[in-house]
Amino acid sequence: YGNWWFDASHLLIVGMIWATWEDKITEFLQKHYIVITS
């Protein structure tokens, strides 16, 4: 199959992880926003 079939499929799992620990992830991103964004 072409690599486009799986290039981004792992983002399904990233979405699951984000939903499971959303509060902790959001708090961490807000606390270190400038550093992480950069």
Full PDB file with SEQRES, HELIX, SHEET, SSBOND, CRYST1, ORIGX, SCALE, CONECT and MASTER records, all heavy atoms in Angstrom:
SEQRES   1 A   38  TYR GLY ASN TRP TRP PHE ASP ALA SER HIS LEU LEU ILE          
SEQRES   2 A   38  VAL GLY MET ILE TRP ALA THR TRP GLU ASP LYS ILE THR          
SEQRES   3 A   38  GLU PHE LEU GLN LYS HIS TYR ILE VAL ILE THR SER              
HELIX    1 AA1 ASN A    3  TRP A    5  5                                   3    
HELIX    2 AA2 LEU A   11  THR A   20  1                                  10    
HELIX    3 AA3 GLU A   22  LYS A   31  1                                  10    
HELIX    4 AA4 TYR A   33  THR A   37  1                                   5    
CRYST1    1.000    1.000    1.000  90.00  90.00  90.00 P 1           1          
ORIGX1      1.000000  0.000000  0.000000        0.00000                         
ORIGX2      0.000000  1.000000  0.000000        0.00000                         
ORIGX3      0.000000  0.000000  1.000000        0.00000                         
SCALE1      1.000000  0.000000  0.000000        0.00000                         
SCALE2      0.000000  1.000000  0.000000        0.00000                         
SCALE3      0.000000  0.000000  1.000000        0.00000                         
ATOM      1  N   TYR A   1       0.850  -1.182   0.000  1.00  0.00           N  
ATOM      2  CA  TYR A   1       0.000   0.000   0.000  1.00  0.00           C  
ATOM      3  C   TYR A   1       0.893   1.241   0.000  1.00  0.00           C  
ATOM      4  O   TYR A   1       2.030   1.201   0.438  1.00  0.00           O  
ATOM      5  CB  TYR A   1      -0.877   0.035   1.252  1.00  0.00           C  
ATOM      6  CG  TYR A   1      -2.060  -0.905   1.238  1.00  0.00           C  
ATOM      7  CD1 TYR A   1      -2.166  -1.937   0.307  1.00  0.00           C  
ATOM      8  CD2 TYR A   1      -3.079  -0.781   2.179  1.00  0.00           C  
ATOM      9  CE1 TYR A   1      -3.246  -2.797   0.306  1.00  0.00           C  
ATOM     10  CE2 TYR A   1      -4.166  -1.642   2.193  1.00  0.00           C  
ATOM     11  CZ  TYR A   1      -4.239  -2.652   1.252  1.00  0.00           C  
ATOM     12  OH  TYR A   1      -5.307  -3.501   1.257  1.00  0.00           O  
ATOM     13  N   GLY A   2       0.364   2.358  -0.448  1.00  0.00           N  
ATOM     14  CA  GLY A   2       1.103   3.607  -0.371  1.00  0.00           C  
ATOM     15  C   GLY A   2       1.313   4.010   1.085  1.00  0.00           C  
ATOM     16  O   GLY A   2       0.488   3.685   1.950  1.00  0.00           O  
ATOM     17  N   ASN A   3       2.407   4.727   1.355  1.00  0.00           N  
ATOM     18  CA  ASN A   3       2.706   5.072   2.743  1.00  0.00           C  
ATOM     19  C   ASN A   3       1.678   6.025   3.352  1.00  0.00           C  
ATOM     20  O   ASN A   3       1.613   6.178   4.573  1.00  0.00           O  
ATOM     21  CB  ASN A   3       4.117   5.667   2.870  1.00  0.00           C  
ATOM     22  CG  ASN A   3       4.296   6.925   2.035  1.00  0.00           C  
ATOM     23  OD1 ASN A   3       3.388   7.336   1.300  1.00  0.00           O  
ATOM     24  ND2 ASN A   3       5.454   7.542   2.138  1.00  0.00           N  
ATOM     25  N   TRP A   4       0.843   6.661   2.524  1.00  0.00           N  
ATOM     26  CA  TRP A   4      -0.192   7.548   3.064  1.00  0.00           C  
ATOM     27  C   TRP A   4      -1.241   6.773   3.863  1.00  0.00           C  
ATOM     28  O   TRP A   4      -1.971   7.361   4.656  1.00  0.00           O  
ATOM     29  CB  TRP A   4      -0.863   8.333   1.930  1.00  0.00           C  
ATOM     30  CG  TRP A   4      -1.417   7.480   0.836  1.00  0.00           C  
ATOM     31  CD1 TRP A   4      -2.650   6.887   0.783  1.00  0.00           C  
ATOM     32  CD2 TRP A   4      -0.756   7.101  -0.385  1.00  0.00           C  
ATOM     33  NE1 TRP A   4      -2.804   6.173  -0.383  1.00  0.00           N  
ATOM     34  CE2 TRP A   4      -1.652   6.290  -1.124  1.00  0.00           C  
ATOM     35  CE3 TRP A   4       0.502   7.379  -0.920  1.00  0.00           C  
ATOM     36  CZ2 TRP A   4      -1.325   5.744  -2.367  1.00  0.00           C  
ATOM     37  CZ3 TRP A   4       0.830   6.834  -2.165  1.00  0.00           C  
ATOM     38  CH2 TRP A   4      -0.079   6.037  -2.871  1.00  0.00           C  
ATOM     39  N   TRP A   5      -1.286   5.442   3.685  1.00  0.00           N  
ATOM     40  CA  TRP A   5      -2.234   4.623   4.431  1.00  0.00           C  
ATOM     41  C   TRP A   5      -1.911   4.596   5.928  1.00  0.00           C  
ATOM     42  O   TRP A   5      -2.795   4.304   6.740  1.00  0.00           O  
ATOM     43  CB  TRP A   5      -2.251   3.196   3.894  1.00  0.00           C  
ATOM     44  CG  TRP A   5      -3.040   3.007   2.636  1.00  0.00           C  
ATOM     45  CD1 TRP A   5      -2.632   3.258   1.363  1.00  0.00           C  
ATOM     46  CD2 TRP A   5      -4.378   2.511   2.526  1.00  0.00           C  
ATOM     47  NE1 TRP A   5      -3.621   2.957   0.460  1.00  0.00           N  
ATOM     48  CE2 TRP A   5      -4.704   2.491   1.146  1.00  0.00           C  
ATOM     49  CE3 TRP A   5      -5.328   2.074   3.447  1.00  0.00           C  
ATOM     50  CZ2 TRP A   5      -5.946   2.069   0.674  1.00  0.00           C  
ATOM     51  CZ3 TRP A   5      -6.566   1.644   2.979  1.00  0.00           C  
ATOM     52  CH2 TRP A   5      -6.862   1.647   1.608  1.00  0.00           C  
ATOM     53  N   PHE A   6      -0.673   4.861   6.289  1.00  0.00           N  
ATOM     54  CA  PHE A   6      -0.297   4.751   7.704  1.00  0.00           C  
ATOM     55  C   PHE A   6       0.535   5.922   8.214  1.00  0.00           C  
ATOM     56  O   PHE A   6       0.901   5.964   9.390  1.00  0.00           O  
ATOM     57  CB  PHE A   6       0.487   3.450   7.933  1.00  0.00           C  
ATOM     58  CG  PHE A   6       1.711   3.304   7.079  1.00  0.00           C  
ATOM     59  CD1 PHE A   6       2.905   3.873   7.461  1.00  0.00           C  
ATOM     60  CD2 PHE A   6       1.650   2.600   5.884  1.00  0.00           C  
ATOM     61  CE1 PHE A   6       4.038   3.740   6.667  1.00  0.00           C  
ATOM     62  CE2 PHE A   6       2.781   2.470   5.081  1.00  0.00           C  
ATOM     63  CZ  PHE A   6       3.982   3.041   5.474  1.00  0.00           C  
ATOM     64  N   ASP A   7       0.841   6.893   7.370  1.00  0.00           N  
ATOM     65  CA  ASP A   7       1.667   8.032   7.797  1.00  0.00           C  
ATOM     66  C   ASP A   7       1.108   8.751   9.011  1.00  0.00           C  
ATOM     67  O   ASP A   7       1.864   9.273   9.835  1.00  0.00           O  
ATOM     68  CB  ASP A   7       1.814   9.043   6.646  1.00  0.00           C  
ATOM     69  CG  ASP A   7       2.882   8.617   5.656  1.00  0.00           C  
ATOM     70  OD1 ASP A   7       3.707   7.768   6.019  1.00  0.00           O  
ATOM     71  OD2 ASP A   7       2.871   9.124   4.517  1.00  0.00           O  
ATOM     72  N   ALA A   8      -0.217   8.818   9.108  1.00  0.00           N  
ATOM     73  CA  ALA A   8      -0.837   9.597  10.194  1.00  0.00           C  
ATOM     74  C   ALA A   8      -1.799   8.770  11.042  1.00  0.00           C  
ATOM     75  O   ALA A   8      -2.443   9.322  11.933  1.00  0.00           O  
ATOM     76  CB  ALA A   8      -1.569  10.802   9.608  1.00  0.00           C  
ATOM     77  N   SER A   9      -1.886   7.467  10.801  1.00  0.00           N  
ATOM     78  CA  SER A   9      -2.857   6.646  11.525  1.00  0.00           C  
ATOM     79  C   SER A   9      -2.566   6.593  13.025  1.00  0.00           C  
ATOM     80  O   SER A   9      -3.475   6.386  13.838  1.00  0.00           O  
ATOM     81  CB  SER A   9      -2.885   5.221  10.957  1.00  0.00           C  
ATOM     82  OG  SER A   9      -1.615   4.597  11.070  1.00  0.00           O  
ATOM     83  N   HIS A  10      -1.293   6.779  13.412  1.00  0.00           N  
ATOM     84  CA  HIS A  10      -0.950   6.752  14.837  1.00  0.00           C  
ATOM     85  C   HIS A  10      -1.550   7.930  15.597  1.00  0.00           C  
ATOM     86  O   HIS A  10      -1.604   7.908  16.836  1.00  0.00           O  
ATOM     87  CB  HIS A  10       0.578   6.761  15.002  1.00  0.00           C  
ATOM     88  CG  HIS A  10       1.233   8.007  14.516  1.00  0.00           C  
ATOM     89  ND1 HIS A  10       1.346   8.311  13.176  1.00  0.00           N  
ATOM     90  CD2 HIS A  10       1.799   9.050  15.188  1.00  0.00           C  
ATOM     91  CE1 HIS A  10       1.962   9.472  13.039  1.00  0.00           C  
ATOM     92  NE2 HIS A  10       2.241   9.942  14.236  1.00  0.00           N  
ATOM     93  N   LEU A  11      -2.020   8.952  14.878  1.00  0.00           N  
ATOM     94  CA  LEU A  11      -2.649  10.088  15.565  1.00  0.00           C  
ATOM     95  C   LEU A  11      -3.968   9.682  16.205  1.00  0.00           C  
ATOM     96  O   LEU A  11      -4.464  10.386  17.105  1.00  0.00           O  
ATOM     97  CB  LEU A  11      -2.845  11.245  14.592  1.00  0.00           C  
ATOM     98  CG  LEU A  11      -1.701  12.279  14.507  1.00  0.00           C  
ATOM     99  CD1 LEU A  11      -1.395  12.876  15.882  1.00  0.00           C  
ATOM    100  CD2 LEU A  11      -0.455  11.704  13.898  1.00  0.00           C  
ATOM    101  N   LEU A  12      -4.561   8.572  15.773  1.00  0.00           N  
ATOM    102  CA  LEU A  12      -5.721   8.030  16.474  1.00  0.00           C  
ATOM    103  C   LEU A  12      -5.348   7.711  17.915  1.00  0.00           C  
ATOM    104  O   LEU A  12      -6.099   8.014  18.855  1.00  0.00           O  
ATOM    105  CB  LEU A  12      -6.210   6.759  15.771  1.00  0.00           C  
ATOM    106  CG  LEU A  12      -6.946   6.932  14.439  1.00  0.00           C  
ATOM    107  CD1 LEU A  12      -6.962   5.620  13.661  1.00  0.00           C  
ATOM    108  CD2 LEU A  12      -8.376   7.406  14.692  1.00  0.00           C  
ATOM    109  N   ILE A  13      -4.172   7.120  18.089  1.00  0.00           N  
ATOM    110  CA  ILE A  13      -3.701   6.746  19.427  1.00  0.00           C  
ATOM    111  C   ILE A  13      -3.333   7.999  20.222  1.00  0.00           C  
ATOM    112  O   ILE A  13      -3.623   8.092  21.415  1.00  0.00           O  
ATOM    113  CB  ILE A  13      -2.491   5.804  19.317  1.00  0.00           C  
ATOM    114  CG1 ILE A  13      -2.872   4.572  18.490  1.00  0.00           C  
ATOM    115  CG2 ILE A  13      -2.004   5.383  20.698  1.00  0.00           C  
ATOM    116  CD1 ILE A  13      -1.700   3.743  18.036  1.00  0.00           C  
ATOM    117  N   VAL A  14      -2.700   8.959  19.560  1.00  0.00           N  
ATOM    118  CA  VAL A  14      -2.370  10.225  20.227  1.00  0.00           C  
ATOM    119  C   VAL A  14      -3.653  10.887  20.738  1.00  0.00           C  
ATOM    120  O   VAL A  14      -3.688  11.418  21.854  1.00  0.00           O  
ATOM    121  CB  VAL A  14      -1.619  11.170  19.275  1.00  0.00           C  
ATOM    122  CG1 VAL A  14      -1.402  12.535  19.923  1.00  0.00           C  
ATOM    123  CG2 VAL A  14      -0.274  10.566  18.871  1.00  0.00           C  
ATOM    124  N   GLY A  15      -4.715  10.837  19.922  1.00  0.00           N  
ATOM    125  CA  GLY A  15      -5.999  11.387  20.349  1.00  0.00           C  
ATOM    126  C   GLY A  15      -6.549  10.662  21.567  1.00  0.00           C  
ATOM    127  O   GLY A  15      -7.080  11.289  22.492  1.00  0.00           O  
ATOM    128  N   MET A  16      -6.413   9.320  21.597  1.00  0.00           N  
ATOM    129  CA  MET A  16      -6.858   8.542  22.757  1.00  0.00           C  
ATOM    130  C   MET A  16      -6.068   8.922  24.006  1.00  0.00           C  
ATOM    131  O   MET A  16      -6.634   9.075  25.094  1.00  0.00           O  
ATOM    132  CB  MET A  16      -6.696   7.045  22.461  1.00  0.00           C  
ATOM    133  CG  MET A  16      -7.627   6.497  21.398  1.00  0.00           C  
ATOM    134  SD  MET A  16      -7.275   4.746  21.023  1.00  0.00           S  
ATOM    135  CE  MET A  16      -7.613   3.976  22.626  1.00  0.00           C  
ATOM    136  N   ILE A  17      -4.758   9.066  23.848  1.00  0.00           N  
ATOM    137  CA  ILE A  17      -3.896   9.443  24.981  1.00  0.00           C  
ATOM    138  C   ILE A  17      -4.287  10.820  25.508  1.00  0.00           C  
ATOM    139  O   ILE A  17      -4.401  11.043  26.714  1.00  0.00           O  
ATOM    140  CB  ILE A  17      -2.416   9.422  24.558  1.00  0.00           C  
ATOM    141  CG1 ILE A  17      -1.973   7.989  24.235  1.00  0.00           C  
ATOM    142  CG2 ILE A  17      -1.531  10.031  25.647  1.00  0.00           C  
ATOM    143  CD1 ILE A  17      -0.594   7.890  23.614  1.00  0.00           C  
ATOM    144  N   TRP A  18      -4.519  11.751  24.576  1.00  0.00           N  
ATOM    145  CA  TRP A  18      -4.867  13.122  24.958  1.00  0.00           C  
ATOM    146  C   TRP A  18      -6.186  13.143  25.727  1.00  0.00           C  
ATOM    147  O   TRP A  18      -6.329  13.865  26.722  1.00  0.00           O  
ATOM    148  CB  TRP A  18      -4.954  14.001  23.719  1.00  0.00           C  
ATOM    149  CG  TRP A  18      -4.656  15.442  23.974  1.00  0.00           C  
ATOM    150  CD1 TRP A  18      -5.383  16.314  24.730  1.00  0.00           C  
ATOM    151  CD2 TRP A  18      -3.539  16.197  23.483  1.00  0.00           C  
ATOM    152  NE1 TRP A  18      -4.798  17.565  24.741  1.00  0.00           N  
ATOM    153  CE2 TRP A  18      -3.661  17.525  23.973  1.00  0.00           C  
ATOM    154  CE3 TRP A  18      -2.462  15.897  22.662  1.00  0.00           C  
ATOM    155  CZ2 TRP A  18      -2.748  18.529  23.676  1.00  0.00           C  
ATOM    156  CZ3 TRP A  18      -1.553  16.892  22.363  1.00  0.00           C  
ATOM    157  CH2 TRP A  18      -1.682  18.191  22.863  1.00  0.00           C  
ATOM    158  N   ALA A  19      -7.157  12.366  25.261  1.00  0.00           N  
ATOM    159  CA  ALA A  19      -8.460  12.333  25.932  1.00  0.00           C  
ATOM    160  C   ALA A  19      -8.357  11.706  27.322  1.00  0.00           C  
ATOM    161  O   ALA A  19      -9.040  12.135  28.257  1.00  0.00           O  
ATOM    162  CB  ALA A  19      -9.454  11.551  25.081  1.00  0.00           C  
ATOM    163  N   THR A  20      -7.496  10.713  27.477  1.00  0.00           N  
ATOM    164  CA  THR A  20      -7.356  10.010  28.749  1.00  0.00           C  
ATOM    165  C   THR A  20      -6.713  10.882  29.816  1.00  0.00           C  
ATOM    166  O   THR A  20      -7.122  10.871  30.980  1.00  0.00           O  
ATOM    167  CB  THR A  20      -6.521   8.724  28.558  1.00  0.00           C  
ATOM    168  OG1 THR A  20      -7.128   7.908  27.538  1.00  0.00           O  
ATOM    169  CG2 THR A  20      -6.452   7.927  29.851  1.00  0.00           C  
ATOM    170  N   TRP A  21      -5.691  11.639  29.442  1.00  0.00           N  
ATOM    171  CA  TRP A  21      -4.985  12.494  30.404  1.00  0.00           C  
ATOM    172  C   TRP A  21      -5.064  13.961  29.985  1.00  0.00           C  
ATOM    173  O   TRP A  21      -4.099  14.707  30.096  1.00  0.00           O  
ATOM    174  CB  TRP A  21      -3.534  12.047  30.520  1.00  0.00           C  
ATOM    175  CG  TRP A  21      -3.400  10.683  31.123  1.00  0.00           C  
ATOM    176  CD1 TRP A  21      -3.572  10.347  32.429  1.00  0.00           C  
ATOM    177  CD2 TRP A  21      -3.085   9.459  30.435  1.00  0.00           C  
ATOM    178  NE1 TRP A  21      -3.376   8.996  32.611  1.00  0.00           N  
ATOM    179  CE2 TRP A  21      -3.076   8.422  31.407  1.00  0.00           C  
ATOM    180  CE3 TRP A  21      -2.803   9.141  29.101  1.00  0.00           C  
ATOM    181  CZ2 TRP A  21      -2.794   7.100  31.069  1.00  0.00           C  
ATOM    182  CZ3 TRP A  21      -2.528   7.822  28.773  1.00  0.00           C  
ATOM    183  CH2 TRP A  21      -2.535   6.814  29.750  1.00  0.00           C  
ATOM    184  N   GLU A  22      -6.236  14.370  29.518  1.00  0.00           N  
ATOM    185  CA  GLU A  22      -6.404  15.713  28.969  1.00  0.00           C  
ATOM    186  C   GLU A  22      -6.051  16.811  29.965  1.00  0.00           C  
ATOM    187  O   GLU A  22      -5.333  17.765  29.630  1.00  0.00           O  
ATOM    188  CB  GLU A  22      -7.841  15.907  28.484  1.00  0.00           C  
ATOM    189  CG  GLU A  22      -8.092  17.279  27.881  1.00  0.00           C  
ATOM    190  CD  GLU A  22      -9.500  17.439  27.356  1.00  0.00           C  
ATOM    191  OE1 GLU A  22     -10.243  16.429  27.304  1.00  0.00           O  
ATOM    192  OE2 GLU A  22      -9.871  18.569  26.997  1.00  0.00           O  
ATOM    193  N   ASP A  23      -6.528  16.696  31.194  1.00  0.00           N  
ATOM    194  CA  ASP A  23      -6.285  17.741  32.186  1.00  0.00           C  
ATOM    195  C   ASP A  23      -4.796  17.905  32.472  1.00  0.00           C  
ATOM    196  O   ASP A  23      -4.283  19.026  32.543  1.00  0.00           O  
ATOM    197  CB  ASP A  23      -7.041  17.435  33.482  1.00  0.00           C  
ATOM    198  CG  ASP A  23      -8.548  17.553  33.311  1.00  0.00           C  
ATOM    199  OD1 ASP A  23      -8.980  18.228  32.354  1.00  0.00           O  
ATOM    200  OD2 ASP A  23      -9.283  16.962  34.115  1.00  0.00           O  
ATOM    201  N   LYS A  24      -4.106  16.786  32.637  1.00  0.00           N  
ATOM    202  CA  LYS A  24      -2.673  16.836  32.940  1.00  0.00           C  
ATOM    203  C   LYS A  24      -1.881  17.365  31.751  1.00  0.00           C  
ATOM    204  O   LYS A  24      -0.938  18.156  31.914  1.00  0.00           O  
ATOM    205  CB  LYS A  24      -2.176  15.449  33.332  1.00  0.00           C  
ATOM    206  CG  LYS A  24      -2.716  14.961  34.665  1.00  0.00           C  
ATOM    207  CD  LYS A  24      -2.146  13.601  35.027  1.00  0.00           C  
ATOM    208  CE  LYS A  24      -2.672  13.132  36.385  1.00  0.00           C  
ATOM    209  NZ  LYS A  24      -2.134  11.801  36.760  1.00  0.00           N  
ATOM    210  N   ILE A  25      -2.245  16.923  30.549  1.00  0.00           N  
ATOM    211  CA  ILE A  25      -1.549  17.387  29.339  1.00  0.00           C  
ATOM    212  C   ILE A  25      -1.763  18.882  29.148  1.00  0.00           C  
ATOM    213  O   ILE A  25      -0.821  19.636  28.880  1.00  0.00           O  
ATOM    214  CB  ILE A  25      -2.033  16.602  28.105  1.00  0.00           C  
ATOM    215  CG1 ILE A  25      -1.591  15.148  28.196  1.00  0.00           C  
ATOM    216  CG2 ILE A  25      -1.506  17.246  26.821  1.00  0.00           C  
ATOM    217  CD1 ILE A  25      -2.163  14.258  27.109  1.00  0.00           C  
ATOM    218  N   THR A  26      -3.020  19.315  29.289  1.00  0.00           N  
ATOM    219  CA  THR A  26      -3.342  20.741  29.112  1.00  0.00           C  
ATOM    220  C   THR A  26      -2.625  21.600  30.153  1.00  0.00           C  
ATOM    221  O   THR A  26      -2.074  22.656  29.828  1.00  0.00           O  
ATOM    222  CB  THR A  26      -4.859  20.962  29.218  1.00  0.00           C  
ATOM    223  OG1 THR A  26      -5.528  20.164  28.226  1.00  0.00           O  
ATOM    224  CG2 THR A  26      -5.206  22.428  28.996  1.00  0.00           C  
ATOM    225  N   GLU A  27      -2.628  21.143  31.389  1.00  0.00           N  
ATOM    226  CA  GLU A  27      -1.944  21.887  32.459  1.00  0.00           C  
ATOM    227  C   GLU A  27      -0.448  21.999  32.177  1.00  0.00           C  
ATOM    228  O   GLU A  27       0.155  23.063  32.364  1.00  0.00           O  
ATOM    229  CB  GLU A  27      -2.167  21.189  33.798  1.00  0.00           C  
ATOM    230  CG  GLU A  27      -1.534  21.901  34.980  1.00  0.00           C  
ATOM    231  CD  GLU A  27      -1.730  21.160  36.294  1.00  0.00           C  
ATOM    232  OE1 GLU A  27      -2.453  20.133  36.297  1.00  0.00           O  
ATOM    233  OE2 GLU A  27      -1.158  21.591  37.313  1.00  0.00           O  
ATOM    234  N   PHE A  28       0.146  20.913  31.702  1.00  0.00           N  
ATOM    235  CA  PHE A  28       1.583  20.919  31.388  1.00  0.00           C  
ATOM    236  C   PHE A  28       1.891  21.876  30.236  1.00  0.00           C  
ATOM    237  O   PHE A  28       2.864  22.630  30.279  1.00  0.00           O  
ATOM    238  CB  PHE A  28       2.031  19.496  31.035  1.00  0.00           C  
ATOM    239  CG  PHE A  28       3.492  19.386  30.710  1.00  0.00           C  
ATOM    240  CD1 PHE A  28       4.447  19.392  31.712  1.00  0.00           C  
ATOM    241  CD2 PHE A  28       3.905  19.291  29.386  1.00  0.00           C  
ATOM    242  CE1 PHE A  28       5.800  19.285  31.417  1.00  0.00           C  
ATOM    243  CE2 PHE A  28       5.254  19.188  29.079  1.00  0.00           C  
ATOM    244  CZ  PHE A  28       6.206  19.192  30.096  1.00  0.00           C  
ATOM    245  N   LEU A  29       1.059  21.846  29.205  1.00  0.00           N  
ATOM    246  CA  LEU A  29       1.269  22.726  28.053  1.00  0.00           C  
ATOM    247  C   LEU A  29       1.120  24.193  28.449  1.00  0.00           C  
ATOM    248  O   LEU A  29       1.880  25.055  27.990  1.00  0.00           O  
ATOM    249  CB  LEU A  29       0.280  22.380  26.941  1.00  0.00           C  
ATOM    250  CG  LEU A  29       0.445  21.009  26.265  1.00  0.00           C  
ATOM    251  CD1 LEU A  29      -0.633  20.819  25.203  1.00  0.00           C  
ATOM    252  CD2 LEU A  29       1.824  20.866  25.653  1.00  0.00           C  
ATOM    253  N   GLN A  30       0.138  24.482  29.283  1.00  0.00           N  
ATOM    254  CA  GLN A  30      -0.066  25.858  29.727  1.00  0.00           C  
ATOM    255  C   GLN A  30       1.089  26.348  30.598  1.00  0.00           C  
ATOM    256  O   GLN A  30       1.522  27.498  30.490  1.00  0.00           O  
ATOM    257  CB  GLN A  30      -1.384  25.963  30.502  1.00  0.00           C  
ATOM    258  CG  GLN A  30      -2.619  25.780  29.632  1.00  0.00           C  
ATOM    259  CD  GLN A  30      -3.898  25.781  30.445  1.00  0.00           C  
ATOM    260  OE1 GLN A  30      -3.868  25.701  31.673  1.00  0.00           O  
ATOM    261  NE2 GLN A  30      -5.040  25.865  29.784  1.00  0.00           N  
ATOM    262  N   LYS A  31       1.607  25.478  31.439  1.00  0.00           N  
ATOM    263  CA  LYS A  31       2.680  25.845  32.356  1.00  0.00           C  
ATOM    264  C   LYS A  31       3.985  26.142  31.623  1.00  0.00           C  
ATOM    265  O   LYS A  31       4.750  27.022  32.017  1.00  0.00           O  
ATOM    266  CB  LYS A  31       2.887  24.720  33.370  1.00  0.00           C  
ATOM    267  CG  LYS A  31       3.866  25.062  34.479  1.00  0.00           C  
ATOM    268  CD  LYS A  31       3.946  23.925  35.489  1.00  0.00           C  
ATOM    269  CE  LYS A  31       4.908  24.268  36.622  1.00  0.00           C  
ATOM    270  NZ  LYS A  31       4.991  23.161  37.635  1.00  0.00           N  
ATOM    271  N   HIS A  32       4.213  25.396  30.529  1.00  0.00           N  
ATOM    272  CA  HIS A  32       5.474  25.564  29.783  1.00  0.00           C  
ATOM    273  C   HIS A  32       5.180  25.969  28.338  1.00  0.00           C  
ATOM    274  O   HIS A  32       5.852  25.515  27.420  1.00  0.00           O  
ATOM    275  CB  HIS A  32       6.267  24.259  29.812  1.00  0.00           C  
ATOM    276  CG  HIS A  32       6.489  23.698  31.181  1.00  0.00           C  
ATOM    277  ND1 HIS A  32       7.421  24.214  32.064  1.00  0.00           N  
ATOM    278  CD2 HIS A  32       5.872  22.683  31.837  1.00  0.00           C  
ATOM    279  CE1 HIS A  32       7.390  23.526  33.198  1.00  0.00           C  
ATOM    280  NE2 HIS A  32       6.459  22.592  33.091  1.00  0.00           N  
ATOM    281  N   TYR A  33       4.185  26.826  28.167  1.00  0.00           N  
ATOM    282  CA  TYR A  33       3.672  27.103  26.825  1.00  0.00           C  
ATOM    283  C   TYR A  33       4.736  27.646  25.877  1.00  0.00           C  
ATOM    284  O   TYR A  33       4.899  27.129  24.765  1.00  0.00           O  
ATOM    285  CB  TYR A  33       2.504  28.094  26.904  1.00  0.00           C  
ATOM    286  CG  TYR A  33       1.853  28.328  25.559  1.00  0.00           C  
ATOM    287  CD1 TYR A  33       0.917  27.429  25.071  1.00  0.00           C  
ATOM    288  CD2 TYR A  33       2.184  29.430  24.777  1.00  0.00           C  
ATOM    289  CE1 TYR A  33       0.317  27.617  23.832  1.00  0.00           C  
ATOM    290  CE2 TYR A  33       1.596  29.632  23.545  1.00  0.00           C  
ATOM    291  CZ  TYR A  33       0.668  28.712  23.073  1.00  0.00           C  
ATOM    292  OH  TYR A  33       0.101  28.902  21.843  1.00  0.00           O  
ATOM    293  N   ILE A  34       5.451  28.667  26.277  1.00  0.00           N  
ATOM    294  CA  ILE A  34       6.418  29.315  25.380  1.00  0.00           C  
ATOM    295  C   ILE A  34       7.528  28.347  24.991  1.00  0.00           C  
ATOM    296  O   ILE A  34       7.902  28.247  23.816  1.00  0.00           O  
ATOM    297  CB  ILE A  34       7.008  30.574  26.039  1.00  0.00           C  
ATOM    298  CG1 ILE A  34       5.911  31.622  26.250  1.00  0.00           C  
ATOM    299  CG2 ILE A  34       8.137  31.153  25.191  1.00  0.00           C  
ATOM    300  CD1 ILE A  34       6.390  32.878  26.950  1.00  0.00           C  
ATOM    301  N   VAL A  35       8.050  27.609  25.972  1.00  0.00           N  
ATOM    302  CA  VAL A  35       9.146  26.669  25.702  1.00  0.00           C  
ATOM    303  C   VAL A  35       8.687  25.557  24.767  1.00  0.00           C  
ATOM    304  O   VAL A  35       9.351  25.249  23.763  1.00  0.00           O  
ATOM    305  CB  VAL A  35       9.680  26.063  27.018  1.00  0.00           C  
ATOM    306  CG1 VAL A  35      10.723  24.980  26.713  1.00  0.00           C  
ATOM    307  CG2 VAL A  35      10.275  27.141  27.888  1.00  0.00           C  
ATOM    308  N   ILE A  36       7.535  24.956  25.072  1.00  0.00           N  
ATOM    309  CA  ILE A  36       7.041  23.832  24.260  1.00  0.00           C  
ATOM    310  C   ILE A  36       6.698  24.294  22.849  1.00  0.00           C  
ATOM    311  O   ILE A  36       7.030  23.611  21.869  1.00  0.00           O  
ATOM    312  CB  ILE A  36       5.809  23.186  24.930  1.00  0.00           C  
ATOM    313  CG1 ILE A  36       6.208  22.545  26.255  1.00  0.00           C  
ATOM    314  CG2 ILE A  36       5.188  22.129  24.008  1.00  0.00           C  
ATOM    315  CD1 ILE A  36       5.033  22.010  27.053  1.00  0.00           C  
ATOM    316  N   THR A  37       6.059  25.443  22.726  1.00  0.00           N  
ATOM    317  CA  THR A  37       5.697  25.966  21.410  1.00  0.00           C  
ATOM    318  C   THR A  37       6.942  26.246  20.578  1.00  0.00           C  
ATOM    319  O   THR A  37       6.989  25.919  19.376  1.00  0.00           O  
ATOM    320  CB  THR A  37       4.854  27.243  21.535  1.00  0.00           C  
ATOM    321  OG1 THR A  37       3.693  26.979  22.312  1.00  0.00           O  
ATOM    322  CG2 THR A  37       4.427  27.750  20.164  1.00  0.00           C  
ATOM    323  N   SER A  38       7.955  26.812  21.201  1.00  0.00           N  
ATOM    324  CA  SER A  38       9.199  27.127  20.490  1.00  0.00           C  
ATOM    325  C   SER A  38       9.903  25.861  20.025  1.00  0.00           C  
ATOM    326  O   SER A  38      10.304  25.743  18.863  1.00  0.00           O  
ATOM    327  CB  SER A  38      10.136  27.942  21.395  1.00  0.00           C  
ATOM    328  OG  SER A  38       9.526  29.140  21.803  1.00  0.00           O  
TER     329      SER A  38                                                      
MASTER        0    0    0    4    0    0    0    6  328    1    0    3          
END                                                                             
